[in-house]
Amino acid sequence: MSEIVGIEIEKDQMKYFYTNKLKLKKNLTVIVETEDGLRFGKVVSDIHPIDNKKLKEDLYKVIRIATKQDYEDNKKNEKDIKEAIKKFNSLTKKYNLEMKLQEAYYTHDRQQLIFKFTSDTRVDFRDLAKDLASIYHTRIELRQIGVRDKAKKISGLGPCGQKLCCSRFLDDFSSVSIQMAKDQNIALNPSKINGLCGRLLCCLKYEEDCYKECRKGLPNVGKTIKTASGREGKVVSVDVLKRKYRVETPFGIEEEELDSIK
């Protein structure tokens, strides 16, 4: 068993970390280890015990409860990053680079200065990186992100009326295919199956396994089959979840039903 806790590093975006046996409570500020390095964050959830087998991946740790010095250092980082953003935008204009900055931050120890941007094309930013490194004397990382990452950062409300999954809890963007929409009998209307990012809705992935299981044994629409009455006809509709389908025969529409999945 391990103990994990929710930490907010960026506004409205929570991630779970191992508590590292620290006594933490909501609203405490902490220093955490991340894939980018040390970051300043705030505890936003209670501590939860969890079976290690249920964890999909190894989590990073809370390093320590923030000190007064950590708090002051974070304030300085937040102030300095505003100037770094201005410099970034100035240099992209100088080099005529089509880069739209989405996010920028220092790691807590200022070992890295990270800029995340979007662009419709691949960008040669070598000169930009050299200039930034010479100005800030730290490791510079320029990271091109996709439209899903942008939506995660900006957030918004999905068609379900709730805050976007990507900005609430999704850390990885699983592959979503148009076949998933077909499997779930959803009309292939972009306004219905695309999210705010313009890509297929992430939630199509959530119920795909259930639909695949329920679809077992069901015929495809358009297939010619023989009904339970012995009449031959063409399948005109399928209700996957109810495991029912309708067949058009010379004598009218017949409804067939398969046993439910146990």
C-alpha atoms as a PDB file:
ATOM      1  CA  MET A   1       0.000   0.000   0.000  1.00  0.00           C
ATOM      2  CA  SER A   2       1.086   3.550  -0.722  1.00  0.00           C
ATOM      3  CA  GLU A   3      -0.249   6.952   0.248  1.00  0.00           C
ATOM      4  CA  ILE A   4      -0.932   9.471  -2.500  1.00  0.00           C
ATOM      5  CA  VAL A   5      -2.156  13.057  -2.458  1.00  0.00           C
ATOM      6  CA  GLY A   6      -3.467  15.490  -5.066  1.00  0.00           C
ATOM      7  CA  ILE A   7      -1.197  18.454  -5.788  1.00  0.00           C
ATOM      8  CA  GLU A   8      -2.070  21.486  -7.917  1.00  0.00           C
ATOM      9  CA  ILE A   9       1.023  22.729  -9.750  1.00  0.00           C
ATOM     10  CA  GLU A  10      -0.756  24.736 -12.411  1.00  0.00           C
ATOM     11  CA  LYS A  11      -4.084  26.428 -11.823  1.00  0.00           C
ATOM     12  CA  ASP A  12      -7.062  24.034 -11.878  1.00  0.00           C
ATOM     13  CA  GLN A  13      -4.869  21.058 -12.843  1.00  0.00           C
ATOM     14  CA  MET A  14      -4.282  18.392 -10.219  1.00  0.00           C
ATOM     15  CA  LYS A  15      -1.889  15.462 -10.306  1.00  0.00           C
ATOM     16  CA  TYR A  16      -1.279  12.721  -7.766  1.00  0.00           C
ATOM     17  CA  PHE A  17       2.048  12.249  -5.995  1.00  0.00           C
ATOM     18  CA  TYR A  18       3.414   9.867  -3.374  1.00  0.00           C
ATOM     19  CA  THR A  19       3.283  11.591   0.016  1.00  0.00           C
ATOM     20  CA  ASN A  20       6.805  10.356   0.858  1.00  0.00           C
ATOM     21  CA  LYS A  21       5.445   9.733   4.405  1.00  0.00           C
ATOM     22  CA  LEU A  22       4.983  13.473   4.971  1.00  0.00           C
ATOM     23  CA  LYS A  23       2.021  14.659   7.036  1.00  0.00           C
ATOM     24  CA  LEU A  24       0.140  16.751   4.503  1.00  0.00           C
ATOM     25  CA  LYS A  25      -3.193  18.517   4.574  1.00  0.00           C
ATOM     26  CA  LYS A  26      -5.149  20.685   2.176  1.00  0.00           C
ATOM     27  CA  ASN A  27      -3.752  24.118   1.274  1.00  0.00           C
ATOM     28  CA  LEU A  28      -0.211  23.286   2.387  1.00  0.00           C
ATOM     29  CA  THR A  29       2.381  24.379  -0.183  1.00  0.00           C
ATOM     30  CA  VAL A  30       4.981  21.787  -1.136  1.00  0.00           C
ATOM     31  CA  ILE A  31       7.938  21.109  -3.399  1.00  0.00           C
ATOM     32  CA  VAL A  32       7.374  18.135  -5.688  1.00  0.00           C
ATOM     33  CA  GLU A  33       9.431  16.122  -8.131  1.00  0.00           C
ATOM     34  CA  THR A  34       8.145  16.131 -11.724  1.00  0.00           C
ATOM     35  CA  GLU A  35       9.352  14.989 -15.134  1.00  0.00           C
ATOM     36  CA  ASP A  36      10.672  18.522 -15.684  1.00  0.00           C
ATOM     37  CA  GLY A  37      12.350  18.905 -12.293  1.00  0.00           C
ATOM     38  CA  LEU A  38      11.312  20.456  -8.981  1.00  0.00           C
ATOM     39  CA  ARG A  39       8.033  22.419  -8.949  1.00  0.00           C
ATOM     40  CA  PHE A  40       6.124  24.438  -6.371  1.00  0.00           C
ATOM     41  CA  GLY A  41       2.586  23.234  -5.680  1.00  0.00           C
ATOM     42  CA  LYS A  42      -0.364  23.218  -3.304  1.00  0.00           C
ATOM     43  CA  VAL A  43      -2.107  20.257  -1.664  1.00  0.00           C
ATOM     44  CA  VAL A  44      -5.721  20.138  -2.888  1.00  0.00           C
ATOM     45  CA  SER A  45      -6.922  16.718  -1.709  1.00  0.00           C
ATOM     46  CA  ASP A  46      -6.845  14.469   1.309  1.00  0.00           C
ATOM     47  CA  ILE A  47      -4.312  11.657   1.527  1.00  0.00           C
ATOM     48  CA  HIS A  48      -5.556   8.425  -0.071  1.00  0.00           C
ATOM     49  CA  PRO A  49      -4.141   4.948   0.640  1.00  0.00           C
ATOM     50  CA  ILE A  50      -3.952   2.883  -2.540  1.00  0.00           C
ATOM     51  CA  ASP A  51      -2.871  -0.605  -3.546  1.00  0.00           C
ATOM     52  CA  ASN A  52       0.295  -0.338  -5.648  1.00  0.00           C
ATOM     53  CA  LYS A  53      -1.172  -2.874  -8.106  1.00  0.00           C
ATOM     54  CA  LYS A  54      -3.934  -0.394  -8.976  1.00  0.00           C
ATOM     55  CA  LEU A  55      -1.485   2.302 -10.009  1.00  0.00           C
ATOM     56  CA  LYS A  56      -1.098   2.428 -13.792  1.00  0.00           C
ATOM     57  CA  GLU A  57       2.303   4.070 -13.517  1.00  0.00           C
ATOM     58  CA  ASP A  58       4.834   5.023 -10.903  1.00  0.00           C
ATOM     59  CA  LEU A  59       4.135   8.461  -9.458  1.00  0.00           C
ATOM     60  CA  TYR A  60       6.573  11.192  -8.529  1.00  0.00           C
ATOM     61  CA  LYS A  61       7.112  12.197  -4.893  1.00  0.00           C
ATOM     62  CA  VAL A  62       6.454  15.177  -2.693  1.00  0.00           C
ATOM     63  CA  ILE A  63       9.981  16.269  -1.735  1.00  0.00           C
ATOM     64  CA  ARG A  64       9.180  18.508   1.218  1.00  0.00           C
ATOM     65  CA  ILE A  65       6.721  20.935   2.736  1.00  0.00           C
ATOM     66  CA  ALA A  66       7.556  24.377   1.366  1.00  0.00           C
ATOM     67  CA  THR A  67       9.595  26.696   3.560  1.00  0.00           C
ATOM     68  CA  LYS A  68       9.380  30.470   3.737  1.00  0.00           C
ATOM     69  CA  GLN A  69      12.386  30.606   1.404  1.00  0.00           C
ATOM     70  CA  ASP A  70      10.624  28.271  -1.071  1.00  0.00           C
ATOM     71  CA  TYR A  71       7.637  30.604  -1.029  1.00  0.00           C
ATOM     72  CA  GLU A  72       9.821  33.645  -1.735  1.00  0.00           C
ATOM     73  CA  ASP A  73      11.692  31.793  -4.495  1.00  0.00           C
ATOM     74  CA  ASN A  74       8.394  30.868  -6.141  1.00  0.00           C
ATOM     75  CA  LYS A  75       7.215  34.485  -6.057  1.00  0.00           C
ATOM     76  CA  LYS A  76      10.450  35.533  -7.765  1.00  0.00           C
ATOM     77  CA  ASN A  77      10.048  32.808 -10.411  1.00  0.00           C
ATOM     78  CA  GLU A  78       6.491  33.957 -11.145  1.00  0.00           C
ATOM     79  CA  LYS A  79       7.665  37.555 -11.499  1.00  0.00           C
ATOM     80  CA  ASP A  80      10.665  36.698 -13.703  1.00  0.00           C
ATOM     81  CA  ILE A  81       8.696  34.430 -16.004  1.00  0.00           C
ATOM     82  CA  LYS A  82       6.548  37.397 -17.085  1.00  0.00           C
ATOM     83  CA  GLU A  83       9.676  39.119 -18.421  1.00  0.00           C
ATOM     84  CA  ALA A  84      10.851  35.867 -20.034  1.00  0.00           C
ATOM     85  CA  ILE A  85       7.533  35.614 -21.892  1.00  0.00           C
ATOM     86  CA  LYS A  86       7.948  39.152 -23.244  1.00  0.00           C
ATOM     87  CA  LYS A  87      11.481  38.321 -24.393  1.00  0.00           C
ATOM     88  CA  PHE A  88      10.300  35.080 -26.025  1.00  0.00           C
ATOM     89  CA  ASN A  89       7.606  36.906 -28.004  1.00  0.00           C
ATOM     90  CA  SER A  90      10.081  39.615 -29.021  1.00  0.00           C
ATOM     91  CA  LEU A  91      12.616  37.078 -30.301  1.00  0.00           C
ATOM     92  CA  THR A  92      10.033  35.052 -32.247  1.00  0.00           C
ATOM     93  CA  LYS A  93       9.113  38.248 -34.104  1.00  0.00           C
ATOM     94  CA  LYS A  94      12.804  38.980 -34.707  1.00  0.00           C
ATOM     95  CA  TYR A  95      13.328  35.562 -36.315  1.00  0.00           C
ATOM     96  CA  ASN A  96       9.880  35.569 -37.957  1.00  0.00           C
ATOM     97  CA  LEU A  97       8.884  32.299 -36.273  1.00  0.00           C
ATOM     98  CA  GLU A  98       5.264  31.119 -36.343  1.00  0.00           C
ATOM     99  CA  MET A  99       5.119  30.088 -32.683  1.00  0.00           C
ATOM    100  CA  LYS A 100       2.208  30.776 -30.341  1.00  0.00           C
ATOM    101  CA  LEU A 101       3.307  30.543 -26.708  1.00  0.00           C
ATOM    102  CA  GLN A 102       0.874  28.597 -24.514  1.00  0.00           C
ATOM    103  CA  GLU A 103       2.799  28.295 -21.276  1.00  0.00           C
ATOM    104  CA  ALA A 104       6.191  29.132 -19.758  1.00  0.00           C
ATOM    105  CA  TYR A 105       7.711  28.394 -16.358  1.00  0.00           C
ATOM    106  CA  TYR A 106      10.913  27.976 -14.411  1.00  0.00           C
ATOM    107  CA  THR A 107      11.529  24.809 -12.442  1.00  0.00           C
ATOM    108  CA  HIS A 108      11.632  25.722  -8.756  1.00  0.00           C
ATOM    109  CA  ASP A 109      15.440  25.556  -8.602  1.00  0.00           C
ATOM    110  CA  ARG A 110      15.715  27.489 -11.915  1.00  0.00           C
ATOM    111  CA  GLN A 111      17.664  24.632 -13.472  1.00  0.00           C
ATOM    112  CA  GLN A 112      15.321  24.770 -16.475  1.00  0.00           C
ATOM    113  CA  LEU A 113      13.284  27.419 -18.254  1.00  0.00           C
ATOM    114  CA  ILE A 114      10.541  25.746 -20.276  1.00  0.00           C
ATOM    115  CA  PHE A 115       8.430  27.253 -23.056  1.00  0.00           C
ATOM    116  CA  LYS A 116       5.483  25.331 -24.519  1.00  0.00           C
ATOM    117  CA  PHE A 117       4.128  26.529 -27.838  1.00  0.00           C
ATOM    118  CA  THR A 118       1.826  25.555 -30.677  1.00  0.00           C
ATOM    119  CA  SER A 119       2.551  25.878 -34.386  1.00  0.00           C
ATOM    120  CA  ASP A 120       0.954  24.614 -37.574  1.00  0.00           C
ATOM    121  CA  THR A 121       4.355  23.548 -38.892  1.00  0.00           C
ATOM    122  CA  ARG A 122       7.682  22.294 -37.605  1.00  0.00           C
ATOM    123  CA  VAL A 123       9.822  25.183 -36.383  1.00  0.00           C
ATOM    124  CA  ASP A 124      13.586  25.610 -36.567  1.00  0.00           C
ATOM    125  CA  PHE A 125      14.140  27.408 -33.262  1.00  0.00           C
ATOM    126  CA  ARG A 126      17.887  26.838 -32.835  1.00  0.00           C
ATOM    127  CA  ASP A 127      18.778  30.547 -32.996  1.00  0.00           C
ATOM    128  CA  LEU A 128      15.956  31.371 -30.608  1.00  0.00           C
ATOM    129  CA  ALA A 129      17.176  28.759 -28.103  1.00  0.00           C
ATOM    130  CA  LYS A 130      20.744  30.105 -28.274  1.00  0.00           C
ATOM    131  CA  ASP A 131      19.597  33.653 -27.592  1.00  0.00           C
ATOM    132  CA  LEU A 132      17.430  32.593 -24.654  1.00  0.00           C
ATOM    133  CA  ALA A 133      20.257  30.511 -23.160  1.00  0.00           C
ATOM    134  CA  SER A 134      22.698  33.430 -23.421  1.00  0.00           C
ATOM    135  CA  ILE A 135      20.204  35.741 -21.684  1.00  0.00           C
ATOM    136  CA  TYR A 136      19.018  33.482 -18.864  1.00  0.00           C
ATOM    137  CA  HIS A 137      22.094  31.256 -18.325  1.00  0.00           C
ATOM    138  CA  THR A 138      20.071  28.120 -17.672  1.00  0.00           C
ATOM    139  CA  ARG A 139      18.876  25.117 -19.624  1.00  0.00           C
ATOM    140  CA  ILE A 140      16.233  26.175 -22.158  1.00  0.00           C
ATOM    141  CA  GLU A 141      13.587  23.763 -23.382  1.00  0.00           C
ATOM    142  CA  LEU A 142      11.287  24.697 -26.247  1.00  0.00           C
ATOM    143  CA  ARG A 143       8.467  22.169 -26.443  1.00  0.00           C
ATOM    144  CA  GLN A 144       5.960  22.079 -29.293  1.00  0.00           C
ATOM    145  CA  ILE A 145       2.597  20.803 -28.086  1.00  0.00           C
ATOM    146  CA  GLY A 146      -0.542  19.675 -29.904  1.00  0.00           C
ATOM    147  CA  VAL A 147      -4.114  20.965 -29.936  1.00  0.00           C
ATOM    148  CA  ARG A 148      -5.128  18.503 -27.225  1.00  0.00           C
ATOM    149  CA  ASP A 149      -2.427  19.834 -24.913  1.00  0.00           C
ATOM    150  CA  LYS A 150      -3.636  23.340 -25.672  1.00  0.00           C
ATOM    151  CA  ALA A 151      -7.216  22.391 -24.744  1.00  0.00           C
ATOM    152  CA  LYS A 152      -5.912  20.796 -21.536  1.00  0.00           C
ATOM    153  CA  LYS A 153      -4.261  24.072 -20.593  1.00  0.00           C
ATOM    154  CA  ILE A 154      -7.119  26.415 -21.571  1.00  0.00           C
ATOM    155  CA  SER A 155      -9.932  24.084 -20.405  1.00  0.00           C
ATOM    156  CA  GLY A 156     -13.639  24.642 -21.024  1.00  0.00           C
ATOM    157  CA  LEU A 157     -16.926  22.722 -20.925  1.00  0.00           C
ATOM    158  CA  GLY A 158     -17.551  19.595 -22.965  1.00  0.00           C
ATOM    159  CA  PRO A 159     -20.872  18.615 -24.606  1.00  0.00           C
ATOM    160  CA  CYS A 160     -21.726  16.761 -21.372  1.00  0.00           C
ATOM    161  CA  GLY A 161     -21.732  20.087 -19.516  1.00  0.00           C
ATOM    162  CA  GLN A 162     -18.732  19.173 -17.370  1.00  0.00           C
ATOM    163  CA  LYS A 163     -15.199  20.552 -17.347  1.00  0.00           C
ATOM    164  CA  LEU A 164     -13.004  18.916 -20.008  1.00  0.00           C
ATOM    165  CA  CYS A 165     -11.607  15.521 -18.987  1.00  0.00           C
ATOM    166  CA  CYS A 166      -8.143  16.523 -20.215  1.00  0.00           C
ATOM    167  CA  SER A 167      -7.990  19.461 -17.818  1.00  0.00           C
ATOM    168  CA  ARG A 168      -9.405  17.453 -14.894  1.00  0.00           C
ATOM    169  CA  PHE A 169      -7.685  14.090 -14.835  1.00  0.00           C
ATOM    170  CA  LEU A 170      -6.302  12.881 -18.180  1.00  0.00           C
ATOM    171  CA  ASP A 171      -2.499  12.795 -18.256  1.00  0.00           C
ATOM    172  CA  ASP A 172      -2.105  10.676 -21.389  1.00  0.00           C
ATOM    173  CA  PHE A 173      -4.024  11.091 -24.615  1.00  0.00           C
ATOM    174  CA  SER A 174      -4.984   7.609 -25.774  1.00  0.00           C
ATOM    175  CA  SER A 175      -5.577   6.972 -29.455  1.00  0.00           C
ATOM    176  CA  VAL A 176      -9.217   7.559 -30.450  1.00  0.00           C
ATOM    177  CA  SER A 177     -10.485   6.332 -33.821  1.00  0.00           C
ATOM    178  CA  ILE A 178     -13.534   6.984 -35.958  1.00  0.00           C
ATOM    179  CA  GLN A 179     -14.300   3.257 -35.663  1.00  0.00           C
ATOM    180  CA  MET A 180     -15.135   3.817 -31.996  1.00  0.00           C
ATOM    181  CA  ALA A 181     -17.909   6.224 -32.981  1.00  0.00           C
ATOM    182  CA  LYS A 182     -19.193   3.684 -35.507  1.00  0.00           C
ATOM    183  CA  ASP A 183     -19.130   0.901 -32.909  1.00  0.00           C
ATOM    184  CA  GLN A 184     -21.259   3.067 -30.611  1.00  0.00           C
ATOM    185  CA  ASN A 185     -23.781   3.957 -33.359  1.00  0.00           C
ATOM    186  CA  ILE A 186     -23.000   7.668 -33.066  1.00  0.00           C
ATOM    187  CA  ALA A 187     -23.779   9.854 -36.068  1.00  0.00           C
ATOM    188  CA  LEU A 188     -20.521  10.779 -37.787  1.00  0.00           C
ATOM    189  CA  ASN A 189     -21.204  14.480 -37.464  1.00  0.00           C
ATOM    190  CA  PRO A 190     -18.064  16.477 -36.543  1.00  0.00           C
ATOM    191  CA  SER A 191     -20.088  18.715 -34.220  1.00  0.00           C
ATOM    192  CA  LYS A 192     -21.178  15.600 -32.297  1.00  0.00           C
ATOM    193  CA  ILE A 193     -18.008  13.529 -32.143  1.00  0.00           C
ATOM    194  CA  ASN A 194     -15.290  16.218 -31.973  1.00  0.00           C
ATOM    195  CA  GLY A 195     -14.213  17.985 -28.813  1.00  0.00           C
ATOM    196  CA  LEU A 196     -13.279  21.641 -28.334  1.00  0.00           C
ATOM    197  CA  CYS A 197      -9.776  20.832 -29.584  1.00  0.00           C
ATOM    198  CA  GLY A 198     -11.217  19.713 -32.934  1.00  0.00           C
ATOM    199  CA  ARG A 199     -10.113  16.110 -32.410  1.00  0.00           C
ATOM    200  CA  LEU A 200     -12.305  13.091 -31.674  1.00  0.00           C
ATOM    201  CA  LEU A 201     -13.803  13.119 -28.172  1.00  0.00           C
ATOM    202  CA  CYS A 202     -11.565  11.356 -25.640  1.00  0.00           C
ATOM    203  CA  CYS A 203     -14.666   9.890 -23.968  1.00  0.00           C
ATOM    204  CA  LEU A 204     -15.314   7.688 -27.027  1.00  0.00           C
ATOM    205  CA  LYS A 205     -12.530   5.547 -25.587  1.00  0.00           C
ATOM    206  CA  TYR A 206     -14.180   5.072 -22.185  1.00  0.00           C
ATOM    207  CA  GLU A 207     -17.023   2.768 -23.261  1.00  0.00           C
ATOM    208  CA  GLU A 208     -15.365   1.124 -26.257  1.00  0.00           C
ATOM    209  CA  ASP A 209     -14.609  -2.138 -24.420  1.00  0.00           C
ATOM    210  CA  CYS A 210     -18.224  -2.358 -23.222  1.00  0.00           C
ATOM    211  CA  TYR A 211     -19.571  -1.866 -26.760  1.00  0.00           C
ATOM    212  CA  LYS A 212     -17.160  -4.454 -28.164  1.00  0.00           C
ATOM    213  CA  GLU A 213     -18.361  -6.990 -25.608  1.00  0.00           C
ATOM    214  CA  CYS A 214     -22.041  -6.246 -26.224  1.00  0.00           C
ATOM    215  CA  ARG A 215     -21.574  -6.403 -29.993  1.00  0.00           C
ATOM    216  CA  LYS A 216     -20.423 -10.038 -29.901  1.00  0.00           C
ATOM    217  CA  GLY A 217     -22.780 -12.194 -31.963  1.00  0.00           C
ATOM    218  CA  LEU A 218     -24.730  -9.247 -33.403  1.00  0.00           C
ATOM    219  CA  PRO A 219     -24.961  -8.986 -37.212  1.00  0.00           C
ATOM    220  CA  ASN A 220     -23.924  -5.893 -39.124  1.00  0.00           C
ATOM    221  CA  VAL A 221     -26.510  -3.594 -40.677  1.00  0.00           C
ATOM    222  CA  GLY A 222     -27.086  -4.612 -44.295  1.00  0.00           C
ATOM    223  CA  LYS A 223     -26.284  -8.281 -43.767  1.00  0.00           C
ATOM    224  CA  THR A 224     -28.793 -10.844 -45.059  1.00  0.00           C
ATOM    225  CA  ILE A 225     -29.685 -13.413 -42.385  1.00  0.00           C
ATOM    226  CA  LYS A 226     -32.393 -15.890 -41.444  1.00  0.00           C
ATOM    227  CA  THR A 227     -34.628 -14.941 -38.497  1.00  0.00           C
ATOM    228  CA  ALA A 228     -35.873 -17.193 -35.712  1.00  0.00           C
ATOM    229  CA  SER A 229     -39.097 -17.654 -37.697  1.00  0.00           C
ATOM    230  CA  GLY A 230     -37.085 -19.065 -40.598  1.00  0.00           C
ATOM    231  CA  ARG A 231     -37.652 -16.054 -42.846  1.00  0.00           C
ATOM    232  CA  GLU A 232     -34.760 -14.455 -44.696  1.00  0.00           C
ATOM    233  CA  GLY A 233     -34.223 -10.727 -44.593  1.00  0.00           C
ATOM    234  CA  LYS A 234     -31.809  -7.843 -44.322  1.00  0.00           C
ATOM    235  CA  VAL A 235     -30.651  -6.330 -41.019  1.00  0.00           C
ATOM    236  CA  VAL A 236     -31.832  -2.699 -40.941  1.00  0.00           C
ATOM    237  CA  SER A 237     -30.821  -1.606 -37.432  1.00  0.00           C
ATOM    238  CA  VAL A 238     -28.861  -2.823 -34.408  1.00  0.00           C
ATOM    239  CA  ASP A 239     -29.200  -1.795 -30.741  1.00  0.00           C
ATOM    240  CA  VAL A 240     -25.842  -2.816 -29.309  1.00  0.00           C
ATOM    241  CA  LEU A 241     -26.497  -2.245 -25.599  1.00  0.00           C
ATOM    242  CA  LYS A 242     -29.892  -4.019 -25.640  1.00  0.00           C
ATOM    243  CA  ARG A 243     -28.404  -6.704 -27.950  1.00  0.00           C
ATOM    244  CA  LYS A 244     -31.357  -6.421 -30.299  1.00  0.00           C
ATOM    245  CA  TYR A 245     -31.585  -6.017 -34.056  1.00  0.00           C
ATOM    246  CA  ARG A 246     -34.351  -5.555 -36.626  1.00  0.00           C
ATOM    247  CA  VAL A 247     -34.650  -7.533 -39.839  1.00  0.00           C
ATOM    248  CA  GLU A 248     -36.705  -6.525 -42.871  1.00  0.00           C
ATOM    249  CA  THR A 249     -38.339  -9.572 -44.444  1.00  0.00           C
ATOM    250  CA  PRO A 250     -40.894  -9.883 -47.269  1.00  0.00           C
ATOM    251  CA  PHE A 251     -43.513 -10.250 -44.516  1.00  0.00           C
ATOM    252  CA  GLY A 252     -42.500  -7.145 -42.534  1.00  0.00           C
ATOM    253  CA  ILE A 253     -40.026  -6.124 -39.841  1.00  0.00           C
ATOM    254  CA  GLU A 254     -39.007  -8.747 -37.294  1.00  0.00           C
ATOM    255  CA  GLU A 255     -37.125  -7.973 -34.109  1.00  0.00           C
ATOM    256  CA  GLU A 256     -34.530 -10.414 -32.840  1.00  0.00           C
ATOM    257  CA  GLU A 257     -32.817 -10.433 -29.447  1.00  0.00           C
ATOM    258  CA  LEU A 258     -29.676 -12.199 -28.219  1.00  0.00           C
ATOM    259  CA  ASP A 259     -28.941 -13.282 -24.674  1.00  0.00           C
ATOM    260  CA  SER A 260     -27.387 -10.595 -22.496  1.00  0.00           C
ATOM    261  CA  ILE A 261     -23.661 -10.728 -21.714  1.00  0.00           C
ATOM    262  CA  LYS A 262     -23.020 -12.176 -18.287  1.00  0.00           C
END
